[in-house]
Each structure stands twice: as structure tokens, then as C-alpha cells.
Protein backbone atom coordinates (compact mmCIF):
# COMPACT_ATOMS: atom_id res chain seq x y z
CA UNK A 1 65.83 -61.15 237.61
CA UNK A 2 66.12 -63.62 234.73
CA UNK A 3 62.40 -64.41 234.74
CA UNK A 4 61.74 -60.67 234.38
CA UNK A 5 63.83 -60.67 231.21
CA UNK A 6 62.92 -64.03 229.72
CA UNK A 7 59.49 -64.69 231.18
CA UNK A 8 58.43 -66.84 234.10
CA UNK A 9 58.64 -70.59 233.35
CA UNK A 10 55.92 -72.98 234.46
CA UNK A 11 58.40 -74.82 236.69
CA UNK A 12 61.62 -74.02 238.51
CA UNK A 13 64.26 -73.25 235.89
CA UNK A 14 68.02 -73.00 235.82
CA UNK A 15 70.03 -70.56 233.72
CA UNK A 16 70.50 -73.34 231.18
CA UNK A 17 66.72 -73.89 231.05
CA UNK A 18 66.11 -70.17 230.45
CA UNK A 19 68.70 -70.09 227.68
CA UNK A 20 67.06 -73.08 225.98
CA UNK A 21 63.62 -71.43 226.26
CA UNK A 22 65.02 -68.12 224.93
CA UNK A 23 67.51 -69.04 222.20
CA UNK A 24 68.05 -65.42 221.13
CA UNK A 25 68.92 -64.15 224.62
CA UNK A 26 72.67 -64.71 224.17
CA UNK A 27 74.95 -65.56 221.26
CA UNK A 28 75.28 -69.36 220.78
CA UNK A 29 79.04 -69.28 221.40
CA UNK A 30 78.53 -67.46 224.70
CA UNK A 31 75.81 -69.93 225.75
CA UNK A 32 78.15 -72.84 225.00
CA UNK A 33 80.99 -71.23 226.95
CA UNK A 34 78.71 -70.62 229.95
CA UNK A 35 77.49 -74.23 229.89
CA UNK A 36 81.12 -75.40 229.94
CA UNK A 37 82.12 -73.00 232.74
CA UNK A 38 79.11 -73.85 234.89
CA UNK A 39 79.63 -77.56 234.22
CA UNK A 40 83.21 -77.27 235.43
CA UNK A 41 82.12 -75.28 238.47
CA UNK A 42 79.58 -77.98 239.36
CA UNK A 43 81.98 -80.88 238.97
CA UNK A 44 84.64 -79.13 241.04
CA UNK A 45 82.18 -78.21 243.78
CA UNK A 46 82.47 -74.44 243.35
CA UNK A 47 78.72 -73.97 242.90
CA UNK A 48 77.10 -76.59 245.08
CA UNK A 49 79.74 -77.59 247.61
CA UNK A 50 80.07 -81.14 246.31
CA UNK A 51 80.89 -83.49 249.17
CA UNK A 52 84.52 -84.50 249.29
CA UNK A 53 85.74 -81.64 247.11
CA UNK A 54 86.59 -78.09 247.90
CA UNK A 55 87.31 -75.47 245.26
CA UNK A 56 90.36 -73.31 245.64
CA UNK A 57 89.69 -69.68 246.52
CA UNK A 58 90.68 -68.80 242.96
CA UNK A 59 88.14 -71.25 241.47
CA UNK A 60 85.39 -69.96 243.73
CA UNK A 61 86.26 -66.33 242.94
CA UNK A 62 86.25 -67.11 239.20
CA UNK A 63 82.80 -68.74 239.41
CA UNK A 64 81.33 -65.82 241.35
CA UNK A 65 82.89 -63.32 238.94
CA UNK A 66 81.47 -65.12 235.88
CA UNK A 67 78.00 -65.28 237.48
CA UNK A 68 78.15 -61.56 238.29
CA UNK A 69 79.27 -60.76 234.74
CA UNK A 70 76.37 -62.75 233.23
CA UNK A 71 73.88 -61.00 235.52
CA UNK A 72 75.32 -57.62 234.58
CA UNK A 73 75.24 -58.41 230.86
CA UNK A 74 71.64 -59.61 230.90
CA UNK A 75 70.54 -56.65 233.01
CA UNK A 76 72.26 -54.10 230.77
CA UNK A 77 71.01 -55.77 227.58
CA UNK A 78 67.44 -55.58 228.82
CA UNK A 79 67.30 -52.26 230.62
CA UNK A 80 65.85 -49.11 229.08
CA UNK A 81 68.40 -47.29 226.96
CA UNK A 82 69.65 -44.06 228.45
């Protein structure tokens, strides 16, 4: 979905990569907040199942909810206006 909005990169790209390649896609404060949230989710194992750690159900639910909200926002921002 994101490559449809921001363009297909020449290599595999993360959300952070897309945001760097498309600086006007989201407000800078929102980009910074997402970097912090996703960084926390990675270090706590909520995104990648880090060995030796297990997120609480609340942490996992929060991470999934934030990801869904970002997908919804980007989709709505870039869909044809009704």
C-alpha cells in the first residue's frame, strides 16, 4: 500500500525509509512520534518477537492499533475525495 502512495523504492524499504524519501507525507512531529513508538515496539519485542522478551498483551495491542491507525491515515489522505 505505501509504495502505491509514495512510489516504489529501488530496494526493500521500511516505513521509516518511505518517510525519509517522502518528507511531506506526514507532519514532522507525527513522523518523530512514530519513530519513537516503533523504536519502543522493536526494543520490547512487540514487532519482531525479540528473543528473551515478550510484550504484554496491552503492548502488543497498542502496537497493532498504532500500525492500523497509520495505515488508515495514509490511505484516507491519498484516496480520491468523495
